[in-house]
Amino acid sequence: MKKQKTWVEINKENLIHNVRTLKEPVKDAVFAPAVKANAYGHGICEIAPYVLEGGADWLAVDAYFEAKKLKDSGITAPIYIMGYVLKDELPGVVENGFRMVAYNPETVRWLGEIGKDVNVHLKIETGNNRQGIDLKDLSKFIEVLKENPCVNVEGVATHFANIEDTTDHSYAEYQLENFRKAIEMLEEAG
């Protein structure tokens, strides 16, 4: 039998301390650490309770199956799905009270067809060029939201491109300006 050359050992007290330390400067905001990808390989159902004990308000995951796994394990904290949710998973999102990202009109219309309240966070494309609502499409997207009143906009987000690998933050500032423009448009639309 071969011995493992590597392993991961998590100290519960250190993890809780680290989460508390991260929560402190943002204590007036909702704090939702990502536990996606099986808590980055550490065990989503094992790690999530400690993250919550450390002060997390919500848990963030990438996919519906991760949110469902957390809920089925007894997690009662709000769960936010940051990745794309397939059409056939949307009824489960609504039924379980999960929050989710929305950035295409089809998803909003499908949620509207379900006809029950659901909280979404709009993802704005500000320059990462991956996914999100482009500023030029935001006005039309707002109209789709107005046509589907059960879809509640609870938050707005973006994704900064390469912000951690540079000391020149001019592109991040450009993205932030685009994000602020989107917020203005949303506020003006009510």
N, C-alpha and C. Protein backbone atom coordinates (compact mmCIF):
# COMPACT_ATOMS: atom_id res chain seq x y z
N MET A 1 0.84 -1.19 0.00
CA MET A 1 0.00 0.00 0.00
C MET A 1 0.89 1.25 0.00
N LYS A 2 0.57 2.17 -0.91
CA LYS A 2 1.35 3.39 -1.01
C LYS A 2 0.89 4.40 0.02
N LYS A 3 1.86 5.14 0.54
CA LYS A 3 1.56 6.22 1.47
C LYS A 3 1.32 7.50 0.68
N GLN A 4 0.40 8.30 1.16
CA GLN A 4 0.16 9.60 0.54
C GLN A 4 1.35 10.51 0.82
N LYS A 5 1.77 11.24 -0.21
CA LYS A 5 2.88 12.18 -0.04
C LYS A 5 2.37 13.55 0.37
N THR A 6 1.12 13.83 0.04
CA THR A 6 0.54 15.13 0.39
C THR A 6 -0.82 14.93 1.04
N TRP A 7 -1.22 15.89 1.83
CA TRP A 7 -2.54 15.89 2.44
C TRP A 7 -2.88 17.32 2.86
N VAL A 8 -4.11 17.51 3.19
CA VAL A 8 -4.56 18.81 3.66
C VAL A 8 -5.09 18.62 5.08
N GLU A 9 -4.64 19.48 5.94
CA GLU A 9 -5.10 19.44 7.33
C GLU A 9 -5.63 20.82 7.68
N ILE A 10 -6.88 20.90 8.06
CA ILE A 10 -7.52 22.17 8.38
C ILE A 10 -7.67 22.27 9.89
N ASN A 11 -7.19 23.37 10.44
CA ASN A 11 -7.36 23.64 11.86
C ASN A 11 -8.64 24.45 12.02
N LYS A 12 -9.62 23.86 12.68
CA LYS A 12 -10.93 24.48 12.83
C LYS A 12 -10.83 25.86 13.46
N GLU A 13 -10.10 26.00 14.53
CA GLU A 13 -9.99 27.29 15.23
C GLU A 13 -9.33 28.34 14.34
N ASN A 14 -8.30 27.95 13.59
CA ASN A 14 -7.64 28.90 12.70
C ASN A 14 -8.56 29.34 11.57
N LEU A 15 -9.32 28.41 11.03
CA LEU A 15 -10.26 28.75 9.97
C LEU A 15 -11.31 29.75 10.47
N ILE A 16 -11.88 29.48 11.62
CA ILE A 16 -12.88 30.38 12.21
C ILE A 16 -12.25 31.75 12.47
N HIS A 17 -11.03 31.78 13.00
CA HIS A 17 -10.32 33.04 13.25
C HIS A 17 -10.10 33.81 11.94
N ASN A 18 -9.69 33.10 10.89
CA ASN A 18 -9.43 33.75 9.61
C ASN A 18 -10.71 34.36 9.03
N VAL A 19 -11.81 33.64 9.14
CA VAL A 19 -13.08 34.17 8.64
C VAL A 19 -13.47 35.41 9.44
N ARG A 20 -13.33 35.35 10.76
CA ARG A 20 -13.64 36.53 11.60
C ARG A 20 -12.78 37.74 11.21
N THR A 21 -11.51 37.48 10.93
CA THR A 21 -10.59 38.55 10.54
C THR A 21 -11.02 39.18 9.21
N LEU A 22 -11.45 38.36 8.27
CA LEU A 22 -11.92 38.88 6.98
C LEU A 22 -13.26 39.62 7.12
N LYS A 23 -14.08 39.17 8.04
CA LYS A 23 -15.41 39.77 8.23
C LYS A 23 -15.31 41.15 8.89
N GLU A 24 -14.36 41.36 9.76
CA GLU A 24 -14.28 42.59 10.56
C GLU A 24 -14.36 43.88 9.75
N PRO A 25 -13.57 44.05 8.70
CA PRO A 25 -13.63 45.33 7.97
C PRO A 25 -14.90 45.51 7.15
N VAL A 26 -15.67 44.45 6.94
CA VAL A 26 -16.90 44.55 6.16
C VAL A 26 -18.13 44.19 7.00
N LYS A 27 -18.03 44.43 8.29
CA LYS A 27 -19.09 43.97 9.20
C LYS A 27 -20.45 44.58 8.91
N ASP A 28 -20.50 45.72 8.22
CA ASP A 28 -21.77 46.35 7.90
C ASP A 28 -22.32 45.88 6.56
N ALA A 29 -21.63 44.98 5.89
CA ALA A 29 -22.06 44.44 4.60
C ALA A 29 -22.34 42.95 4.74
N VAL A 30 -23.06 42.41 3.79
CA VAL A 30 -23.26 40.96 3.76
C VAL A 30 -21.94 40.33 3.34
N PHE A 31 -21.48 39.39 4.13
CA PHE A 31 -20.21 38.71 3.89
C PHE A 31 -20.51 37.29 3.42
N ALA A 32 -20.14 36.97 2.18
CA ALA A 32 -20.48 35.68 1.57
C ALA A 32 -19.24 35.00 1.00
N PRO A 33 -18.46 34.35 1.82
CA PRO A 33 -17.26 33.67 1.29
C PRO A 33 -17.63 32.55 0.32
N ALA A 34 -16.79 32.35 -0.66
CA ALA A 34 -16.99 31.28 -1.64
C ALA A 34 -16.53 29.95 -1.06
N VAL A 35 -17.41 28.97 -1.14
CA VAL A 35 -17.07 27.60 -0.76
C VAL A 35 -17.27 26.67 -1.97
N LYS A 36 -17.21 27.27 -3.16
CA LYS A 36 -17.41 26.53 -4.40
C LYS A 36 -16.29 25.51 -4.61
N ALA A 37 -16.50 24.65 -5.58
CA ALA A 37 -15.50 23.63 -5.94
C ALA A 37 -15.15 22.77 -4.72
N ASN A 38 -16.21 22.33 -4.02
CA ASN A 38 -16.03 21.50 -2.83
C ASN A 38 -15.15 22.21 -1.80
N ALA A 39 -15.43 23.52 -1.61
CA ALA A 39 -14.64 24.37 -0.71
C ALA A 39 -13.17 24.31 -1.13
N TYR A 40 -12.98 24.44 -2.43
CA TYR A 40 -11.64 24.40 -3.03
C TYR A 40 -10.89 23.12 -2.63
N GLY A 41 -11.66 22.01 -2.62
CA GLY A 41 -11.08 20.71 -2.35
C GLY A 41 -11.02 20.32 -0.89
N HIS A 42 -11.56 21.15 -0.01
CA HIS A 42 -11.46 20.87 1.42
C HIS A 42 -12.71 20.23 2.01
N GLY A 43 -13.76 20.08 1.20
CA GLY A 43 -14.99 19.46 1.67
C GLY A 43 -16.05 20.51 1.99
N ILE A 44 -16.97 20.72 1.08
CA ILE A 44 -17.95 21.79 1.23
C ILE A 44 -18.81 21.64 2.49
N CYS A 45 -19.27 20.43 2.77
CA CYS A 45 -20.14 20.22 3.93
C CYS A 45 -19.36 20.23 5.24
N GLU A 46 -18.07 19.94 5.16
CA GLU A 46 -17.23 19.98 6.35
C GLU A 46 -16.81 21.41 6.69
N ILE A 47 -16.50 22.20 5.68
CA ILE A 47 -15.97 23.55 5.88
C ILE A 47 -17.06 24.58 6.13
N ALA A 48 -18.20 24.46 5.46
CA ALA A 48 -19.25 25.48 5.53
C ALA A 48 -19.68 25.83 6.96
N PRO A 49 -19.90 24.87 7.85
CA PRO A 49 -20.31 25.25 9.21
C PRO A 49 -19.27 26.12 9.93
N TYR A 50 -18.00 25.88 9.69
CA TYR A 50 -16.95 26.67 10.33
C TYR A 50 -16.88 28.08 9.75
N VAL A 51 -17.11 28.19 8.44
CA VAL A 51 -17.13 29.50 7.80
C VAL A 51 -18.29 30.32 8.38
N LEU A 52 -19.42 29.67 8.57
CA LEU A 52 -20.57 30.36 9.17
C LEU A 52 -20.29 30.71 10.64
N GLU A 53 -19.68 29.81 11.36
CA GLU A 53 -19.33 30.08 12.76
C GLU A 53 -18.37 31.27 12.86
N GLY A 54 -17.53 31.44 11.86
CA GLY A 54 -16.59 32.55 11.84
C GLY A 54 -17.24 33.90 11.52
N GLY A 55 -18.50 33.88 11.11
CA GLY A 55 -19.20 35.13 10.89
C GLY A 55 -19.74 35.36 9.49
N ALA A 56 -19.59 34.40 8.60
CA ALA A 56 -20.16 34.56 7.26
C ALA A 56 -21.68 34.68 7.38
N ASP A 57 -22.23 35.60 6.59
CA ASP A 57 -23.68 35.78 6.57
C ASP A 57 -24.33 34.81 5.58
N TRP A 58 -23.70 34.65 4.45
CA TRP A 58 -24.16 33.77 3.38
C TRP A 58 -22.99 32.88 2.97
N LEU A 59 -23.30 31.89 2.14
CA LEU A 59 -22.28 31.08 1.48
C LEU A 59 -22.44 31.24 -0.02
N ALA A 60 -21.34 31.35 -0.74
CA ALA A 60 -21.37 31.50 -2.19
C ALA A 60 -20.83 30.23 -2.85
N VAL A 61 -21.57 29.76 -3.84
CA VAL A 61 -21.17 28.56 -4.59
C VAL A 61 -21.23 28.88 -6.08
N ASP A 62 -20.74 27.99 -6.90
CA ASP A 62 -20.78 28.20 -8.34
C ASP A 62 -22.02 27.60 -8.98
N ALA A 63 -22.51 26.49 -8.47
CA ALA A 63 -23.54 25.73 -9.17
C ALA A 63 -24.69 25.32 -8.26
N TYR A 64 -25.81 25.05 -8.90
CA TYR A 64 -27.01 24.63 -8.17
C TYR A 64 -26.76 23.39 -7.33
N PHE A 65 -26.06 22.39 -7.90
CA PHE A 65 -25.85 21.15 -7.15
C PHE A 65 -25.09 21.40 -5.85
N GLU A 66 -24.19 22.40 -5.85
CA GLU A 66 -23.46 22.72 -4.62
C GLU A 66 -24.40 23.34 -3.58
N ALA A 67 -25.27 24.23 -4.03
CA ALA A 67 -26.24 24.85 -3.13
C ALA A 67 -27.15 23.79 -2.53
N LYS A 68 -27.61 22.89 -3.37
CA LYS A 68 -28.51 21.82 -2.91
C LYS A 68 -27.79 20.91 -1.92
N LYS A 69 -26.54 20.61 -2.18
CA LYS A 69 -25.77 19.76 -1.27
C LYS A 69 -25.65 20.42 0.11
N LEU A 70 -25.38 21.72 0.14
CA LEU A 70 -25.30 22.44 1.41
C LEU A 70 -26.64 22.41 2.14
N LYS A 71 -27.70 22.71 1.42
CA LYS A 71 -29.03 22.72 2.05
C LYS A 71 -29.38 21.33 2.58
N ASP A 72 -29.12 20.31 1.78
CA ASP A 72 -29.42 18.94 2.20
C ASP A 72 -28.59 18.50 3.40
N SER A 73 -27.45 19.16 3.61
CA SER A 73 -26.60 18.82 4.76
C SER A 73 -27.05 19.55 6.03
N GLY A 74 -28.07 20.40 5.91
CA GLY A 74 -28.59 21.09 7.09
C GLY A 74 -28.24 22.56 7.18
N ILE A 75 -27.54 23.10 6.21
CA ILE A 75 -27.20 24.52 6.21
C ILE A 75 -28.48 25.33 6.01
N THR A 76 -28.71 26.30 6.88
CA THR A 76 -29.90 27.15 6.77
C THR A 76 -29.56 28.59 6.38
N ALA A 77 -28.29 28.92 6.34
CA ALA A 77 -27.87 30.28 5.94
C ALA A 77 -28.20 30.49 4.47
N PRO A 78 -28.38 31.74 4.06
CA PRO A 78 -28.62 32.02 2.65
C PRO A 78 -27.46 31.52 1.78
N ILE A 79 -27.82 31.01 0.61
CA ILE A 79 -26.84 30.48 -0.32
C ILE A 79 -26.99 31.22 -1.65
N TYR A 80 -25.88 31.71 -2.16
CA TYR A 80 -25.83 32.49 -3.39
C TYR A 80 -25.10 31.71 -4.46
N ILE A 81 -25.78 31.46 -5.60
CA ILE A 81 -25.18 30.73 -6.71
C ILE A 81 -24.60 31.76 -7.69
N MET A 82 -23.28 31.76 -7.84
CA MET A 82 -22.60 32.76 -8.66
C MET A 82 -22.48 32.37 -10.13
N GLY A 83 -22.61 31.09 -10.44
CA GLY A 83 -22.45 30.62 -11.80
C GLY A 83 -23.79 30.51 -12.52
N TYR A 84 -23.72 30.12 -13.77
CA TYR A 84 -24.92 29.97 -14.60
C TYR A 84 -25.78 28.84 -14.05
N VAL A 85 -27.08 29.08 -14.02
CA VAL A 85 -28.04 28.06 -13.58
C VAL A 85 -28.83 27.60 -14.81
N LEU A 86 -28.86 26.31 -15.02
CA LEU A 86 -29.59 25.75 -16.15
C LEU A 86 -31.10 25.94 -15.97
N LYS A 87 -31.81 26.00 -17.08
CA LYS A 87 -33.27 26.22 -17.05
C LYS A 87 -33.97 25.19 -16.16
N ASP A 88 -33.61 23.92 -16.29
CA ASP A 88 -34.31 22.90 -15.51
C ASP A 88 -33.96 22.94 -14.01
N GLU A 89 -32.95 23.73 -13.63
CA GLU A 89 -32.60 23.88 -12.21
C GLU A 89 -33.31 25.07 -11.57
N LEU A 90 -33.86 25.96 -12.38
CA LEU A 90 -34.47 27.19 -11.85
C LEU A 90 -35.61 26.92 -10.88
N PRO A 91 -36.51 25.95 -11.14
CA PRO A 91 -37.54 25.68 -10.13
C PRO A 91 -36.95 25.29 -8.77
N GLY A 92 -35.85 24.56 -8.77
CA GLY A 92 -35.19 24.19 -7.51
C GLY A 92 -34.60 25.39 -6.80
N VAL A 93 -34.05 26.33 -7.57
CA VAL A 93 -33.53 27.56 -6.98
C VAL A 93 -34.64 28.29 -6.25
N VAL A 94 -35.77 28.44 -6.93
CA VAL A 94 -36.91 29.16 -6.35
C VAL A 94 -37.46 28.40 -5.14
N GLU A 95 -37.67 27.11 -5.29
CA GLU A 95 -38.24 26.28 -4.21
C GLU A 95 -37.38 26.31 -2.95
N ASN A 96 -36.07 26.32 -3.12
CA ASN A 96 -35.15 26.28 -1.99
C ASN A 96 -34.78 27.65 -1.46
N GLY A 97 -35.24 28.70 -2.12
CA GLY A 97 -34.93 30.05 -1.65
C GLY A 97 -33.50 30.49 -1.87
N PHE A 98 -32.83 29.87 -2.85
CA PHE A 98 -31.46 30.27 -3.14
C PHE A 98 -31.46 31.62 -3.86
N ARG A 99 -30.39 32.33 -3.73
CA ARG A 99 -30.16 33.54 -4.51
C ARG A 99 -29.27 33.15 -5.68
N MET A 100 -29.37 33.93 -6.76
CA MET A 100 -28.56 33.55 -7.93
C MET A 100 -28.18 34.77 -8.75
N VAL A 101 -27.14 34.59 -9.55
CA VAL A 101 -26.73 35.63 -10.47
C VAL A 101 -27.62 35.56 -11.71
N ALA A 102 -27.89 36.72 -12.30
CA ALA A 102 -28.66 36.76 -13.55
C ALA A 102 -27.99 37.76 -14.48
N TYR A 103 -27.81 37.36 -15.73
CA TYR A 103 -27.19 38.26 -16.69
C TYR A 103 -27.71 38.07 -18.10
N ASN A 104 -28.73 37.23 -18.26
CA ASN A 104 -29.34 37.12 -19.58
C ASN A 104 -30.85 37.17 -19.46
N PRO A 105 -31.51 37.77 -20.44
CA PRO A 105 -32.96 37.94 -20.35
C PRO A 105 -33.74 36.63 -20.32
N GLU A 106 -33.21 35.59 -20.96
CA GLU A 106 -33.90 34.31 -20.97
C GLU A 106 -34.09 33.78 -19.55
N THR A 107 -33.06 33.87 -18.75
CA THR A 107 -33.16 33.39 -17.37
C THR A 107 -34.23 34.16 -16.60
N VAL A 108 -34.27 35.46 -16.78
CA VAL A 108 -35.28 36.28 -16.09
C VAL A 108 -36.68 35.89 -16.56
N ARG A 109 -36.85 35.68 -17.84
CA ARG A 109 -38.16 35.27 -18.36
C ARG A 109 -38.56 33.90 -17.83
N TRP A 110 -37.62 32.96 -17.80
CA TRP A 110 -37.92 31.64 -17.27
C TRP A 110 -38.31 31.71 -15.80
N LEU A 111 -37.59 32.52 -15.02
CA LEU A 111 -37.96 32.71 -13.62
C LEU A 111 -39.34 33.33 -13.51
N GLY A 112 -39.65 34.27 -14.40
CA GLY A 112 -40.96 34.89 -14.43
C GLY A 112 -42.07 33.88 -14.69
N GLU A 113 -41.79 32.90 -15.55
CA GLU A 113 -42.77 31.85 -15.85
C GLU A 113 -43.07 31.00 -14.62
N ILE A 114 -42.08 30.83 -13.75
CA ILE A 114 -42.31 30.08 -12.51
C ILE A 114 -43.31 30.84 -11.65
N GLY A 115 -43.18 32.16 -11.65
CA GLY A 115 -44.19 33.00 -11.00
C GLY A 115 -44.08 33.14 -9.50
N LYS A 116 -42.99 32.75 -8.92
CA LYS A 116 -42.79 32.89 -7.47
C LYS A 116 -41.58 33.78 -7.24
N ASP A 117 -41.58 34.51 -6.13
CA ASP A 117 -40.48 35.44 -5.84
C ASP A 117 -39.13 34.72 -5.78
N VAL A 118 -38.15 35.36 -6.39
CA VAL A 118 -36.78 34.87 -6.35
C VAL A 118 -35.86 36.09 -6.33
N ASN A 119 -34.80 36.00 -5.55
CA ASN A 119 -33.82 37.08 -5.44
C ASN A 119 -32.66 36.82 -6.38
N VAL A 120 -32.36 37.83 -7.20
CA VAL A 120 -31.24 37.71 -8.13
C VAL A 120 -30.26 38.86 -7.91
N HIS A 121 -29.05 38.61 -8.34
CA HIS A 121 -27.99 39.62 -8.35
C HIS A 121 -27.57 39.77 -9.80
N LEU A 122 -27.71 40.97 -10.32
CA LEU A 122 -27.35 41.23 -11.70
C LEU A 122 -25.84 41.28 -11.84
N LYS A 123 -25.33 40.58 -12.84
CA LYS A 123 -23.89 40.63 -13.11
C LYS A 123 -23.68 41.56 -14.29
N ILE A 124 -22.92 42.61 -14.06
CA ILE A 124 -22.67 43.63 -15.07
C ILE A 124 -21.32 43.35 -15.73
N GLU A 125 -21.30 43.35 -17.05
CA GLU A 125 -20.05 43.20 -17.81
C GLU A 125 -19.38 44.56 -17.88
N THR A 126 -18.25 44.70 -17.19
CA THR A 126 -17.55 45.98 -17.13
C THR A 126 -16.19 45.95 -17.81
N GLY A 127 -15.81 44.79 -18.34
CA GLY A 127 -14.51 44.72 -19.00
C GLY A 127 -13.78 43.41 -18.80
N ASN A 128 -14.34 42.48 -18.06
CA ASN A 128 -13.71 41.17 -17.90
C ASN A 128 -13.96 40.31 -19.13
N ASN A 129 -15.04 40.63 -19.85
CA ASN A 129 -15.40 39.95 -21.10
C ASN A 129 -15.60 38.46 -20.94
N ARG A 130 -16.27 38.09 -19.86
CA ARG A 130 -16.61 36.70 -19.64
C ARG A 130 -18.11 36.50 -19.73
N GLN A 131 -18.82 37.13 -18.83
CA GLN A 131 -20.28 37.04 -18.81
C GLN A 131 -20.82 38.24 -18.05
N GLY A 132 -22.00 38.63 -18.39
CA GLY A 132 -22.62 39.75 -17.70
C GLY A 132 -23.43 40.58 -18.67
N ILE A 133 -24.16 41.54 -18.13
CA ILE A 133 -25.00 42.42 -18.91
C ILE A 133 -24.14 43.58 -19.39
N ASP A 134 -24.01 43.71 -20.69
CA ASP A 134 -23.25 44.82 -21.26
C ASP A 134 -24.02 46.11 -21.02
N LEU A 135 -23.32 47.20 -20.78
CA LEU A 135 -23.97 48.49 -20.53
C LEU A 135 -24.93 48.87 -21.65
N LYS A 136 -24.57 48.57 -22.90
CA LYS A 136 -25.43 48.94 -24.02
C LYS A 136 -26.73 48.13 -24.03
N ASP A 137 -26.77 47.01 -23.32
CA ASP A 137 -27.96 46.16 -23.26
C ASP A 137 -28.75 46.33 -21.96
N LEU A 138 -28.23 47.13 -21.04
CA LEU A 138 -28.84 47.21 -19.72
C LEU A 138 -30.26 47.77 -19.75
N SER A 139 -30.53 48.77 -20.57
CA SER A 139 -31.87 49.35 -20.63
C SER A 139 -32.90 48.30 -21.05
N LYS A 140 -32.57 47.49 -22.05
CA LYS A 140 -33.48 46.42 -22.48
C LYS A 140 -33.64 45.38 -21.38
N PHE A 141 -32.55 45.08 -20.69
CA PHE A 141 -32.60 44.11 -19.60
C PHE A 141 -33.53 44.62 -18.49
N ILE A 142 -33.45 45.89 -18.18
CA ILE A 142 -34.32 46.48 -17.16
C ILE A 142 -35.78 46.31 -17.55
N GLU A 143 -36.10 46.46 -18.82
CA GLU A 143 -37.48 46.27 -19.29
C GLU A 143 -37.93 44.83 -19.04
N VAL A 144 -37.05 43.87 -19.30
CA VAL A 144 -37.38 42.46 -19.05
C VAL A 144 -37.64 42.25 -17.55
N LEU A 145 -36.84 42.88 -16.71
CA LEU A 145 -37.07 42.77 -15.26
C LEU A 145 -38.43 43.34 -14.88
N LYS A 146 -38.79 44.47 -15.45
CA LYS A 146 -40.08 45.09 -15.14
C LYS A 146 -41.25 44.21 -15.57
N GLU A 147 -41.06 43.43 -16.63
CA GLU A 147 -42.10 42.51 -17.12
C GLU A 147 -42.22 41.27 -16.24
N ASN A 148 -41.28 41.05 -15.35
CA ASN A 148 -41.24 39.86 -14.50
C ASN A 148 -41.08 40.28 -13.04
N PRO A 149 -42.14 40.81 -12.43
CA PRO A 149 -42.03 41.41 -11.09
C PRO A 149 -41.69 40.43 -9.97
N CYS A 150 -41.80 39.15 -10.21
CA CYS A 150 -41.42 38.19 -9.16
C CYS A 150 -39.90 38.03 -9.06
N VAL A 151 -39.19 38.56 -10.05
CA VAL A 151 -37.72 38.52 -10.04
C VAL A 151 -37.23 39.79 -9.35
N ASN A 152 -36.78 39.62 -8.12
CA ASN A 152 -36.35 40.75 -7.29
C ASN A 152 -34.85 40.97 -7.40
N VAL A 153 -34.47 42.18 -7.80
CA VAL A 153 -33.04 42.51 -7.87
C VAL A 153 -32.58 42.84 -6.46
N GLU A 154 -31.82 41.94 -5.89
CA GLU A 154 -31.33 42.10 -4.53
C GLU A 154 -29.93 42.70 -4.50
N GLY A 155 -29.18 42.52 -5.58
CA GLY A 155 -27.82 43.02 -5.60
C GLY A 155 -27.31 43.15 -7.02
N VAL A 156 -26.16 43.79 -7.15
CA VAL A 156 -25.51 44.00 -8.44
C VAL A 156 -24.03 43.70 -8.24
N ALA A 157 -23.44 43.01 -9.21
CA ALA A 157 -22.04 42.60 -9.08
C ALA A 157 -21.32 42.75 -10.41
N THR A 158 -20.00 42.71 -10.35
CA THR A 158 -19.17 42.63 -11.54
C THR A 158 -17.97 41.76 -11.21
N HIS A 159 -17.12 41.54 -12.19
CA HIS A 159 -15.92 40.71 -11.99
C HIS A 159 -14.74 41.50 -12.55
N PHE A 160 -13.83 41.84 -11.67
CA PHE A 160 -12.65 42.58 -12.12
C PHE A 160 -11.67 41.65 -12.84
N ALA A 161 -11.07 42.16 -13.88
CA ALA A 161 -10.12 41.38 -14.69
C ALA A 161 -8.70 41.60 -14.17
N ASN A 162 -8.03 40.53 -13.79
CA ASN A 162 -6.60 40.55 -13.50
C ASN A 162 -6.19 41.61 -12.48
N ILE A 163 -7.02 41.87 -11.51
CA ILE A 163 -6.72 42.93 -10.54
C ILE A 163 -5.60 42.51 -9.57
N GLU A 164 -5.45 41.23 -9.33
CA GLU A 164 -4.46 40.79 -8.36
C GLU A 164 -3.05 40.65 -8.92
N ASP A 165 -2.90 40.69 -10.25
CA ASP A 165 -1.59 40.46 -10.86
C ASP A 165 -0.93 41.73 -11.39
N THR A 166 -1.34 42.88 -10.87
CA THR A 166 -0.79 44.12 -11.40
C THR A 166 -0.73 45.19 -10.32
N THR A 167 0.17 46.12 -10.51
CA THR A 167 0.19 47.29 -9.64
C THR A 167 -0.43 48.50 -10.34
N ASP A 168 -0.74 48.33 -11.62
CA ASP A 168 -1.41 49.37 -12.40
C ASP A 168 -2.90 49.09 -12.38
N HIS A 169 -3.64 49.86 -11.62
CA HIS A 169 -5.07 49.60 -11.46
C HIS A 169 -5.94 50.46 -12.37
N SER A 170 -5.35 51.01 -13.44
CA SER A 170 -6.13 51.87 -14.34
C SER A 170 -7.26 51.09 -15.01
N TYR A 171 -7.04 49.82 -15.35
CA TYR A 171 -8.12 49.05 -15.97
C TYR A 171 -9.21 48.74 -14.95
N ALA A 172 -8.83 48.47 -13.73
CA ALA A 172 -9.83 48.24 -12.68
C ALA A 172 -10.63 49.52 -12.44
N GLU A 173 -9.98 50.66 -12.51
CA GLU A 173 -10.69 51.93 -12.36
C GLU A 173 -11.67 52.14 -13.51
N TYR A 174 -11.28 51.75 -14.72
CA TYR A 174 -12.17 51.80 -15.88
C TYR A 174 -13.39 50.91 -15.63
N GLN A 175 -13.16 49.70 -15.13
CA GLN A 175 -14.26 48.79 -14.84
C GLN A 175 -15.16 49.36 -13.75
N LEU A 176 -14.57 49.93 -12.74
CA LEU A 176 -15.36 50.51 -11.65
C LEU A 176 -16.24 51.65 -12.16
N GLU A 177 -15.71 52.46 -13.06
CA GLU A 177 -16.51 53.54 -13.65
C GLU A 177 -17.69 52.97 -14.43
N ASN A 178 -17.46 51.91 -15.20
CA ASN A 178 -18.56 51.25 -15.91
C ASN A 178 -19.60 50.69 -14.94
N PHE A 179 -19.13 50.12 -13.85
CA PHE A 179 -20.03 49.57 -12.83
C PHE A 179 -20.89 50.70 -12.24
N ARG A 180 -20.27 51.82 -11.93
CA ARG A 180 -21.02 52.96 -11.39
C ARG A 180 -22.07 53.46 -12.38
N LYS A 181 -21.75 53.46 -13.67
CA LYS A 181 -22.73 53.85 -14.69
C LYS A 181 -23.93 52.90 -14.66
N ALA A 182 -23.65 51.62 -14.53
CA ALA A 182 -24.74 50.63 -14.47
C ALA A 182 -25.61 50.85 -13.24
N ILE A 183 -24.98 51.12 -12.11
CA ILE A 183 -25.74 51.38 -10.88
C ILE A 183 -26.64 52.60 -11.07
N GLU A 184 -26.11 53.64 -11.67
CA GLU A 184 -26.92 54.86 -11.94
C GLU A 184 -28.13 54.52 -12.80
N MET A 185 -27.91 53.73 -13.85
CA MET A 185 -29.01 53.36 -14.73
C MET A 185 -30.07 52.55 -13.98
N LEU A 186 -29.63 51.64 -13.14
CA LEU A 186 -30.56 50.82 -12.37
C LEU A 186 -31.34 51.66 -11.36
N GLU A 187 -30.63 52.57 -10.69
CA GLU A 187 -31.31 53.43 -9.72
C GLU A 187 -32.33 54.32 -10.40
N GLU A 188 -31.98 54.89 -11.55
CA GLU A 188 -32.90 55.73 -12.29
C GLU A 188 -34.15 54.96 -12.74
N ALA A 189 -33.98 53.65 -13.00
CA ALA A 189 -35.10 52.81 -13.42
C ALA A 189 -35.92 52.31 -12.23
N GLY A 190 -35.45 52.61 -11.04
CA GLY A 190 -36.18 52.21 -9.84
C GLY A 190 -35.81 50.84 -9.34
